[in-house]
Amino acid sequence: MESNSKLFDMHSKRKAMNNTHIQVKNLNAYYGRQHALKDVNIEIPKNQITVIMGPSGCGKTTLLKTFNRFFELNEDVKLTGEVLVDGENIYAPDVDVTEVRKVVGLLAQRPTPLPMSIYDNVAYGMRIHQMKSDRVEYKKSVRHYLEIAGLWDEVHKRMHDPATSLSIGQQQRLCLARGLAVEPEIILGDEPTSALDPISSQNIESRLIELKKDYTIVIVTHTLRQAKRLADHIIYMYMGEVMEAGPAHDVFTDPQHERTRQYLEGLF
């Protein structure tokens, strides 16, 4: 997906032979005195599902939220180092944070539908960014993104009902449609199925697998089985450090770090 921002001008910034979409360099993050991320250096490939995994409290969500600058919404935080999207540091002083969050969307643990209709939830971001010229274009786009999220057939006769009238699984797919509607390049998921029943979880997983052909997807999960189902690329974290990162098959079958091996064997 292409952005109108100079920061994310794909034609001038991307290198055709470079498969890296997000690059993290010497990243350190602090909550007050707590050193949450320690010298993180990773590369996240384009058009793949990267799964960040590790024990509770290891820094997975903190790392994820540095990719769209949600980290700085917390109080008393500090960050050093760089996070580059398409080669541009999103923490540079002249960067438009709103544009970053348009390009890098977030699907949260629990669905957060806006207090408005199903239709208006999907159209909201497009209206804010003035992405369409008339009502017909908005209607076409709302349908398009609901279809991508696998929700259109279930809601097309009730588009003006409150979004909160949907089941929690439907609400999560609605939030996915809402995020896609502003045409991001990257989708972040912070344990996006943890609040869902198994069938709804399967729906979200299926959508993510389909979407990776057009988007770069980064997921935090605490479920090893889910990581094995979804991941093309793995980042394994422990105590704020990246212990291991690489293709999922390599990490799962031949982990190079003892901490990774212990985690995969369920020893902690």
C-alpha atoms as a PDB file:
ATOM      1  CA  MET A   1       0.000   0.000   0.000  1.00  0.00           C
ATOM      2  CA  GLU A   2       1.303   3.483  -0.818  1.00  0.00           C
ATOM      3  CA  SER A   3       1.263   6.537   1.423  1.00  0.00           C
ATOM      4  CA  ASN A   4       0.925  10.182   0.402  1.00  0.00           C
ATOM      5  CA  SER A   5       3.490  11.271   3.010  1.00  0.00           C
ATOM      6  CA  LYS A   6       6.950  12.372   1.907  1.00  0.00           C
ATOM      7  CA  LEU A   7       8.326  10.318   4.777  1.00  0.00           C
ATOM      8  CA  PHE A   8       6.930   7.139   3.267  1.00  0.00           C
ATOM      9  CA  ASP A   9       7.397   7.876  -0.444  1.00  0.00           C
ATOM     10  CA  MET A  10       7.765   4.322  -1.676  1.00  0.00           C
ATOM     11  CA  HIS A  11       9.093   5.254  -5.103  1.00  0.00           C
ATOM     12  CA  SER A  12      12.074   7.159  -3.783  1.00  0.00           C
ATOM     13  CA  LYS A  13      12.804   5.362  -0.518  1.00  0.00           C
ATOM     14  CA  ARG A  14      12.415   1.650  -1.111  1.00  0.00           C
ATOM     15  CA  LYS A  15      15.245  -0.451  -2.466  1.00  0.00           C
ATOM     16  CA  ALA A  16      13.940  -3.235  -4.653  1.00  0.00           C
ATOM     17  CA  MET A  17      16.463  -5.788  -3.435  1.00  0.00           C
ATOM     18  CA  ASN A  18      15.902  -5.074   0.246  1.00  0.00           C
ATOM     19  CA  ASN A  19      13.262  -7.273   1.870  1.00  0.00           C
ATOM     20  CA  THR A  20      13.370  -5.402   5.205  1.00  0.00           C
ATOM     21  CA  HIS A  21      10.315  -3.323   6.080  1.00  0.00           C
ATOM     22  CA  ILE A  22      11.114  -2.389   9.694  1.00  0.00           C
ATOM     23  CA  GLN A  23      14.638  -2.103  11.015  1.00  0.00           C
ATOM     24  CA  VAL A  24      15.401  -1.520  14.703  1.00  0.00           C
ATOM     25  CA  LYS A  25      18.820  -0.187  15.649  1.00  0.00           C
ATOM     26  CA  ASN A  26      20.265  -0.030  19.164  1.00  0.00           C
ATOM     27  CA  LEU A  27      16.815   0.436  20.685  1.00  0.00           C
ATOM     28  CA  ASN A  28      16.523   0.985  24.427  1.00  0.00           C
ATOM     29  CA  ALA A  29      13.245   1.773  26.174  1.00  0.00           C
ATOM     30  CA  TYR A  30      12.624   2.811  29.766  1.00  0.00           C
ATOM     31  CA  TYR A  31       9.570   3.124  31.998  1.00  0.00           C
ATOM     32  CA  GLY A  32      10.998   5.449  34.610  1.00  0.00           C
ATOM     33  CA  ARG A  33      14.012   3.534  35.926  1.00  0.00           C
ATOM     34  CA  GLN A  34      12.884   0.212  34.489  1.00  0.00           C
ATOM     35  CA  HIS A  35      14.989  -0.767  31.479  1.00  0.00           C
ATOM     36  CA  ALA A  36      12.292  -2.477  29.400  1.00  0.00           C
ATOM     37  CA  LEU A  37      14.118  -2.966  26.076  1.00  0.00           C
ATOM     38  CA  LYS A  38      17.871  -3.508  25.978  1.00  0.00           C
ATOM     39  CA  ASP A  39      19.925  -2.819  22.852  1.00  0.00           C
ATOM     40  CA  VAL A  40      17.419  -4.332  20.418  1.00  0.00           C
ATOM     41  CA  ASN A  41      18.669  -4.791  16.861  1.00  0.00           C
ATOM     42  CA  ILE A  42      16.301  -6.611  14.495  1.00  0.00           C
ATOM     43  CA  GLU A  43      14.970  -6.592  10.948  1.00  0.00           C
ATOM     44  CA  ILE A  44      11.361  -7.412  10.077  1.00  0.00           C
ATOM     45  CA  PRO A  45      10.730  -8.684   6.532  1.00  0.00           C
ATOM     46  CA  LYS A  46       8.063  -7.357   4.185  1.00  0.00           C
ATOM     47  CA  ASN A  47       4.928  -9.332   3.375  1.00  0.00           C
ATOM     48  CA  GLN A  48       5.486 -11.923   6.064  1.00  0.00           C
ATOM     49  CA  ILE A  49       3.982 -12.585   9.480  1.00  0.00           C
ATOM     50  CA  THR A  50       6.561 -11.911  12.157  1.00  0.00           C
ATOM     51  CA  VAL A  51       5.677 -13.263  15.593  1.00  0.00           C
ATOM     52  CA  ILE A  52       7.210 -11.791  18.729  1.00  0.00           C
ATOM     53  CA  MET A  53       7.141 -14.378  21.493  1.00  0.00           C
ATOM     54  CA  GLY A  54       8.595 -14.982  24.926  1.00  0.00           C
ATOM     55  CA  PRO A  55       7.584 -15.281  28.579  1.00  0.00           C
ATOM     56  CA  SER A  56       5.276 -12.771  30.227  1.00  0.00           C
ATOM     57  CA  GLY A  57       6.902  -9.413  30.960  1.00  0.00           C
ATOM     58  CA  CYS A  58       9.789  -9.885  28.539  1.00  0.00           C
ATOM     59  CA  GLY A  59       9.079  -6.709  26.525  1.00  0.00           C
ATOM     60  CA  LYS A  60       7.029  -8.090  23.616  1.00  0.00           C
ATOM     61  CA  THR A  61       4.252  -5.485  23.713  1.00  0.00           C
ATOM     62  CA  THR A  62       6.694  -2.674  24.481  1.00  0.00           C
ATOM     63  CA  LEU A  63       8.684  -3.533  21.364  1.00  0.00           C
ATOM     64  CA  LEU A  64       5.528  -3.768  19.262  1.00  0.00           C
ATOM     65  CA  LYS A  65       4.324  -0.344  20.393  1.00  0.00           C
ATOM     66  CA  THR A  66       7.596   1.319  19.457  1.00  0.00           C
ATOM     67  CA  PHE A  67       6.756   0.509  15.817  1.00  0.00           C
ATOM     68  CA  ASN A  68       3.846   2.984  15.718  1.00  0.00           C
ATOM     69  CA  ARG A  69       4.953   5.318  18.533  1.00  0.00           C
ATOM     70  CA  PHE A  70       2.241   4.138  20.919  1.00  0.00           C
ATOM     71  CA  PHE A  71       5.015   3.539  23.450  1.00  0.00           C
ATOM     72  CA  GLU A  72       5.347   7.247  24.095  1.00  0.00           C
ATOM     73  CA  LEU A  73       1.690   7.495  25.130  1.00  0.00           C
ATOM     74  CA  ASN A  74       2.769   6.100  28.510  1.00  0.00           C
ATOM     75  CA  GLU A  75       3.960   8.434  31.253  1.00  0.00           C
ATOM     76  CA  ASP A  76       7.609   8.821  32.254  1.00  0.00           C
ATOM     77  CA  VAL A  77       9.092   6.932  29.331  1.00  0.00           C
ATOM     78  CA  LYS A  78      12.341   7.320  27.433  1.00  0.00           C
ATOM     79  CA  LEU A  79      13.533   5.774  24.200  1.00  0.00           C
ATOM     80  CA  THR A  80      16.923   5.808  22.512  1.00  0.00           C
ATOM     81  CA  GLY A  81      17.964   4.297  19.209  1.00  0.00           C
ATOM     82  CA  GLU A  82      16.102   4.137  15.921  1.00  0.00           C
ATOM     83  CA  VAL A  83      13.059   2.459  14.410  1.00  0.00           C
ATOM     84  CA  LEU A  84      13.185   2.695  10.625  1.00  0.00           C
ATOM     85  CA  VAL A  85      10.186   2.064   8.363  1.00  0.00           C
ATOM     86  CA  ASP A  86      11.197   1.901   4.722  1.00  0.00           C
ATOM     87  CA  GLY A  87      14.564   3.303   5.748  1.00  0.00           C
ATOM     88  CA  GLU A  88      13.178   6.376   7.559  1.00  0.00           C
ATOM     89  CA  ASN A  89      13.506   6.856  11.319  1.00  0.00           C
ATOM     90  CA  ILE A  90       9.959   7.310  12.647  1.00  0.00           C
ATOM     91  CA  TYR A  91      11.369   8.997  15.775  1.00  0.00           C
ATOM     92  CA  ALA A  92      13.106  11.757  13.828  1.00  0.00           C
ATOM     93  CA  PRO A  93      12.072  15.259  15.043  1.00  0.00           C
ATOM     94  CA  ASP A  94      10.281  16.241  11.826  1.00  0.00           C
ATOM     95  CA  VAL A  95       8.134  13.105  11.555  1.00  0.00           C
ATOM     96  CA  ASP A  96       4.338  13.444  11.595  1.00  0.00           C
ATOM     97  CA  VAL A  97       3.174  11.002  14.293  1.00  0.00           C
ATOM     98  CA  THR A  98      -0.334  10.908  12.804  1.00  0.00           C
ATOM     99  CA  GLU A  99       1.117   9.712   9.515  1.00  0.00           C
ATOM    100  CA  VAL A 100       3.163   7.036  11.285  1.00  0.00           C
ATOM    101  CA  ARG A 101       0.034   5.686  12.939  1.00  0.00           C
ATOM    102  CA  LYS A 102      -1.784   5.683   9.616  1.00  0.00           C
ATOM    103  CA  VAL A 103       0.965   3.692   7.936  1.00  0.00           C
ATOM    104  CA  VAL A 104       1.428   1.344  10.913  1.00  0.00           C
ATOM    105  CA  GLY A 105      -1.950   0.166  12.238  1.00  0.00           C
ATOM    106  CA  LEU A 106      -2.627  -1.639  15.525  1.00  0.00           C
ATOM    107  CA  LEU A 107      -5.086  -4.430  16.308  1.00  0.00           C
ATOM    108  CA  ALA A 108      -5.354  -4.534  20.101  1.00  0.00           C
ATOM    109  CA  GLN A 109      -5.967  -7.415  22.518  1.00  0.00           C
ATOM    110  CA  ARG A 110      -9.605  -6.511  22.973  1.00  0.00           C
ATOM    111  CA  PRO A 111     -11.709  -4.989  20.197  1.00  0.00           C
ATOM    112  CA  THR A 112     -12.357  -1.277  20.617  1.00  0.00           C
ATOM    113  CA  PRO A 113     -15.241  -0.316  18.329  1.00  0.00           C
ATOM    114  CA  LEU A 114     -16.058   3.376  18.250  1.00  0.00           C
ATOM    115  CA  PRO A 115     -19.397   4.421  19.793  1.00  0.00           C
ATOM    116  CA  MET A 116     -21.106   4.715  16.424  1.00  0.00           C
ATOM    117  CA  SER A 117     -22.603   2.515  13.736  1.00  0.00           C
ATOM    118  CA  ILE A 118     -20.902  -0.385  11.986  1.00  0.00           C
ATOM    119  CA  TYR A 119     -20.688   1.688   8.802  1.00  0.00           C
ATOM    120  CA  ASP A 120     -19.280   4.761  10.542  1.00  0.00           C
ATOM    121  CA  ASN A 121     -16.622   2.713  12.317  1.00  0.00           C
ATOM    122  CA  VAL A 122     -15.101   1.710   8.978  1.00  0.00           C
ATOM    123  CA  ALA A 123     -15.624   5.103   7.337  1.00  0.00           C
ATOM    124  CA  TYR A 124     -14.273   7.096  10.292  1.00  0.00           C
ATOM    125  CA  GLY A 125     -10.570   7.030   9.454  1.00  0.00           C
ATOM    126  CA  MET A 126     -11.181   7.596   5.758  1.00  0.00           C
ATOM    127  CA  ARG A 127     -13.191  10.701   6.604  1.00  0.00           C
ATOM    128  CA  ILE A 128     -10.540  12.021   8.990  1.00  0.00           C
ATOM    129  CA  HIS A 129      -7.916  11.697   6.261  1.00  0.00           C
ATOM    130  CA  GLN A 130     -10.340  12.867   3.532  1.00  0.00           C
ATOM    131  CA  MET A 131      -9.528   9.822   1.468  1.00  0.00           C
ATOM    132  CA  LYS A 132     -12.674   9.694  -0.695  1.00  0.00           C
ATOM    133  CA  SER A 133     -14.436  12.278  -2.822  1.00  0.00           C
ATOM    134  CA  ASP A 134     -18.102  11.429  -2.287  1.00  0.00           C
ATOM    135  CA  ARG A 135     -20.621   9.231  -0.489  1.00  0.00           C
ATOM    136  CA  VAL A 136     -20.608   6.568  -3.215  1.00  0.00           C
ATOM    137  CA  GLU A 137     -16.866   6.114  -2.900  1.00  0.00           C
ATOM    138  CA  TYR A 138     -17.138   5.794   0.871  1.00  0.00           C
ATOM    139  CA  LYS A 139     -19.860   3.152   0.564  1.00  0.00           C
ATOM    140  CA  LYS A 140     -17.793   1.137  -1.904  1.00  0.00           C
ATOM    141  CA  SER A 141     -14.732   1.307   0.336  1.00  0.00           C
ATOM    142  CA  VAL A 142     -16.631   0.381   3.501  1.00  0.00           C
ATOM    143  CA  ARG A 143     -17.972  -2.715   1.757  1.00  0.00           C
ATOM    144  CA  HIS A 144     -14.534  -3.552   0.367  1.00  0.00           C
ATOM    145  CA  TYR A 145     -12.810  -3.542   3.753  1.00  0.00           C
ATOM    146  CA  LEU A 146     -15.644  -5.393   5.480  1.00  0.00           C
ATOM    147  CA  GLU A 147     -15.292  -8.072   2.792  1.00  0.00           C
ATOM    148  CA  ILE A 148     -11.535  -8.282   3.369  1.00  0.00           C
ATOM    149  CA  ALA A 149     -12.180  -8.697   7.100  1.00  0.00           C
ATOM    150  CA  GLY A 150     -14.712 -11.429   6.369  1.00  0.00           C
ATOM    151  CA  LEU A 151     -17.585  -9.505   7.923  1.00  0.00           C
ATOM    152  CA  TRP A 152     -19.682  -8.127   5.054  1.00  0.00           C
ATOM    153  CA  ASP A 153     -22.014 -11.108   4.693  1.00  0.00           C
ATOM    154  CA  GLU A 154     -22.788 -10.982   8.417  1.00  0.00           C
ATOM    155  CA  VAL A 155     -23.487  -7.246   8.732  1.00  0.00           C
ATOM    156  CA  HIS A 156     -24.554  -5.840   5.350  1.00  0.00           C
ATOM    157  CA  LYS A 157     -28.210  -5.697   6.387  1.00  0.00           C
ATOM    158  CA  ARG A 158     -27.471  -3.928   9.673  1.00  0.00           C
ATOM    159  CA  MET A 159     -24.866  -1.344   8.734  1.00  0.00           C
ATOM    160  CA  HIS A 160     -26.484   1.375  10.827  1.00  0.00           C
ATOM    161  CA  ASP A 161     -26.719  -0.719  13.995  1.00  0.00           C
ATOM    162  CA  PRO A 162     -24.326   0.188  16.813  1.00  0.00           C
ATOM    163  CA  ALA A 163     -20.969  -1.540  16.472  1.00  0.00           C
ATOM    164  CA  THR A 164     -21.320  -2.661  20.089  1.00  0.00           C
ATOM    165  CA  SER A 165     -24.260  -4.868  19.040  1.00  0.00           C
ATOM    166  CA  LEU A 166     -21.802  -7.219  17.325  1.00  0.00           C
ATOM    167  CA  SER A 167     -20.285 -10.225  19.041  1.00  0.00           C
ATOM    168  CA  ILE A 168     -16.752  -9.761  20.375  1.00  0.00           C
ATOM    169  CA  GLY A 169     -15.328 -11.789  17.482  1.00  0.00           C
ATOM    170  CA  GLN A 170     -17.223  -9.669  14.978  1.00  0.00           C
ATOM    171  CA  GLN A 171     -16.057  -6.520  16.746  1.00  0.00           C
ATOM    172  CA  GLN A 172     -12.436  -7.608  16.333  1.00  0.00           C
ATOM    173  CA  ARG A 173     -12.951  -8.155  12.605  1.00  0.00           C
ATOM    174  CA  LEU A 174     -14.663  -4.754  12.443  1.00  0.00           C
ATOM    175  CA  CYS A 175     -11.591  -3.199  14.062  1.00  0.00           C
ATOM    176  CA  LEU A 176      -9.459  -4.972  11.471  1.00  0.00           C
ATOM    177  CA  ALA A 177     -11.619  -3.494   8.675  1.00  0.00           C
ATOM    178  CA  ARG A 178     -11.406  -0.050  10.273  1.00  0.00           C
ATOM    179  CA  GLY A 179      -7.627  -0.284  10.433  1.00  0.00           C
ATOM    180  CA  LEU A 180      -7.293  -1.477   6.840  1.00  0.00           C
ATOM    181  CA  ALA A 181      -9.545   1.317   5.576  1.00  0.00           C
ATOM    182  CA  VAL A 182      -6.849   3.967   6.106  1.00  0.00           C
ATOM    183  CA  GLU A 183      -4.502   1.949   3.881  1.00  0.00           C
ATOM    184  CA  PRO A 184      -1.643   1.045   6.206  1.00  0.00           C
ATOM    185  CA  GLU A 185       1.419  -0.824   5.049  1.00  0.00           C
ATOM    186  CA  ILE A 186       2.011  -2.614   8.338  1.00  0.00           C
ATOM    187  CA  ILE A 187      -0.462  -4.305  10.694  1.00  0.00           C
ATOM    188  CA  LEU A 188       0.519  -4.798  14.324  1.00  0.00           C
ATOM    189  CA  GLY A 189      -1.398  -7.264  16.479  1.00  0.00           C
ATOM    190  CA  ASP A 190      -1.026  -7.255  20.271  1.00  0.00           C
ATOM    191  CA  GLU A 191      -2.349 -10.720  21.149  1.00  0.00           C
ATOM    192  CA  PRO A 192      -5.303  -9.970  18.835  1.00  0.00           C
ATOM    193  CA  THR A 193      -7.110 -13.254  19.516  1.00  0.00           C
ATOM    194  CA  SER A 194      -6.570 -13.553  23.268  1.00  0.00           C
ATOM    195  CA  ALA A 195     -10.103 -12.337  24.116  1.00  0.00           C
ATOM    196  CA  LEU A 196     -11.818 -14.412  21.424  1.00  0.00           C
ATOM    197  CA  ASP A 197     -13.439 -17.840  21.308  1.00  0.00           C
ATOM    198  CA  PRO A 198     -11.719 -20.532  19.181  1.00  0.00           C
ATOM    199  CA  ILE A 199     -13.898 -19.990  16.092  1.00  0.00           C
ATOM    200  CA  SER A 200     -13.420 -16.203  16.173  1.00  0.00           C
ATOM    201  CA  SER A 201      -9.696 -16.702  16.717  1.00  0.00           C
ATOM    202  CA  GLN A 202      -9.529 -18.945  13.675  1.00  0.00           C
ATOM    203  CA  ASN A 203     -11.323 -16.271  11.632  1.00  0.00           C
ATOM    204  CA  ILE A 204      -8.758 -13.618  12.604  1.00  0.00           C
ATOM    205  CA  GLU A 205      -5.823 -15.967  11.964  1.00  0.00           C
ATOM    206  CA  SER A 206      -7.189 -16.850   8.524  1.00  0.00           C
ATOM    207  CA  ARG A 207      -7.586 -13.164   7.655  1.00  0.00           C
ATOM    208  CA  LEU A 208      -4.025 -12.386   8.735  1.00  0.00           C
ATOM    209  CA  ILE A 209      -2.606 -15.203   6.609  1.00  0.00           C
ATOM    210  CA  GLU A 210      -4.536 -13.894   3.598  1.00  0.00           C
ATOM    211  CA  LEU A 211      -3.487 -10.295   4.240  1.00  0.00           C
ATOM    212  CA  LYS A 212       0.260 -10.880   4.330  1.00  0.00           C
ATOM    213  CA  LYS A 213       0.428 -10.820   0.541  1.00  0.00           C
ATOM    214  CA  ASP A 214      -0.368  -7.093   0.738  1.00  0.00           C
ATOM    215  CA  TYR A 215       0.833  -6.129   4.209  1.00  0.00           C
ATOM    216  CA  THR A 216       3.671  -6.690   6.625  1.00  0.00           C
ATOM    217  CA  ILE A 217       2.205  -8.186   9.804  1.00  0.00           C
ATOM    218  CA  VAL A 218       3.780  -8.251  13.267  1.00  0.00           C
ATOM    219  CA  ILE A 219       2.006 -10.200  16.004  1.00  0.00           C
ATOM    220  CA  VAL A 220       2.663 -10.574  19.726  1.00  0.00           C
ATOM    221  CA  THR A 221       1.397 -13.874  21.090  1.00  0.00           C
ATOM    222  CA  HIS A 222       1.751 -15.793  24.332  1.00  0.00           C
ATOM    223  CA  THR A 223       0.575 -18.988  22.639  1.00  0.00           C
ATOM    224  CA  LEU A 224       3.274 -21.165  21.134  1.00  0.00           C
ATOM    225  CA  ARG A 225       0.744 -23.122  19.054  1.00  0.00           C
ATOM    226  CA  GLN A 226      -0.466 -19.893  17.472  1.00  0.00           C
ATOM    227  CA  ALA A 227       3.093 -18.824  16.723  1.00  0.00           C
ATOM    228  CA  LYS A 228       3.687 -22.109  14.920  1.00  0.00           C
ATOM    229  CA  ARG A 229       0.492 -21.703  12.895  1.00  0.00           C
ATOM    230  CA  LEU A 230       1.140 -18.125  11.822  1.00  0.00           C
ATOM    231  CA  ALA A 231       4.813 -17.260  11.846  1.00  0.00           C
ATOM    232  CA  ASP A 232       7.068 -16.866   8.855  1.00  0.00           C
ATOM    233  CA  HIS A 233       9.618 -15.061  11.003  1.00  0.00           C
ATOM    234  CA  ILE A 234      10.233 -15.267  14.774  1.00  0.00           C
ATOM    235  CA  ILE A 235      11.606 -12.836  17.349  1.00  0.00           C
ATOM    236  CA  TYR A 236      12.181 -14.502  20.718  1.00  0.00           C
ATOM    237  CA  MET A 237      12.601 -12.177  23.704  1.00  0.00           C
ATOM    238  CA  TYR A 238      13.694 -12.667  27.293  1.00  0.00           C
ATOM    239  CA  MET A 239      14.005  -9.990  29.988  1.00  0.00           C
ATOM    240  CA  GLY A 240      13.915  -7.122  27.494  1.00  0.00           C
ATOM    241  CA  GLU A 241      16.505  -8.612  25.151  1.00  0.00           C
ATOM    242  CA  VAL A 242      16.156 -10.328  21.788  1.00  0.00           C
ATOM    243  CA  MET A 243      17.631 -13.776  22.289  1.00  0.00           C
ATOM    244  CA  GLU A 244      17.003 -15.026  18.783  1.00  0.00           C
ATOM    245  CA  ALA A 245      15.432 -13.883  15.514  1.00  0.00           C
ATOM    246  CA  GLY A 246      15.089 -15.563  12.156  1.00  0.00           C
ATOM    247  CA  PRO A 247      12.911 -17.679   9.870  1.00  0.00           C
ATOM    248  CA  ALA A 248      10.276 -19.554  11.874  1.00  0.00           C
ATOM    249  CA  HIS A 249      11.289 -22.980  10.594  1.00  0.00           C
ATOM    250  CA  ASP A 250      14.895 -22.432  11.660  1.00  0.00           C
ATOM    251  CA  VAL A 251      14.001 -21.135  15.119  1.00  0.00           C
ATOM    252  CA  PHE A 252      11.488 -23.892  15.826  1.00  0.00           C
ATOM    253  CA  THR A 253      13.603 -26.783  14.553  1.00  0.00           C
ATOM    254  CA  ASP A 254      17.116 -25.654  15.435  1.00  0.00           C
ATOM    255  CA  PRO A 255      17.145 -22.854  18.050  1.00  0.00           C
ATOM    256  CA  GLN A 256      20.593 -21.348  18.492  1.00  0.00           C
ATOM    257  CA  HIS A 257      20.134 -19.973  22.011  1.00  0.00           C
ATOM    258  CA  GLU A 258      19.605 -22.074  25.117  1.00  0.00           C
ATOM    259  CA  ARG A 259      16.874 -19.752  26.382  1.00  0.00           C
ATOM    260  CA  THR A 260      14.942 -20.260  23.142  1.00  0.00           C
ATOM    261  CA  ARG A 261      15.281 -24.021  23.361  1.00  0.00           C
ATOM    262  CA  GLN A 262      14.044 -24.044  26.966  1.00  0.00           C
ATOM    263  CA  TYR A 263      11.039 -21.904  26.068  1.00  0.00           C
ATOM    264  CA  LEU A 264      10.099 -24.092  23.111  1.00  0.00           C
ATOM    265  CA  GLU A 265      10.352 -27.180  25.316  1.00  0.00           C
ATOM    266  CA  GLY A 266       8.040 -25.610  27.901  1.00  0.00           C
ATOM    267  CA  LEU A 267      10.657 -25.460  30.639  1.00  0.00           C
ATOM    268  CA  PHE A 268       9.545 -21.938  31.629  1.00  0.00           C
END
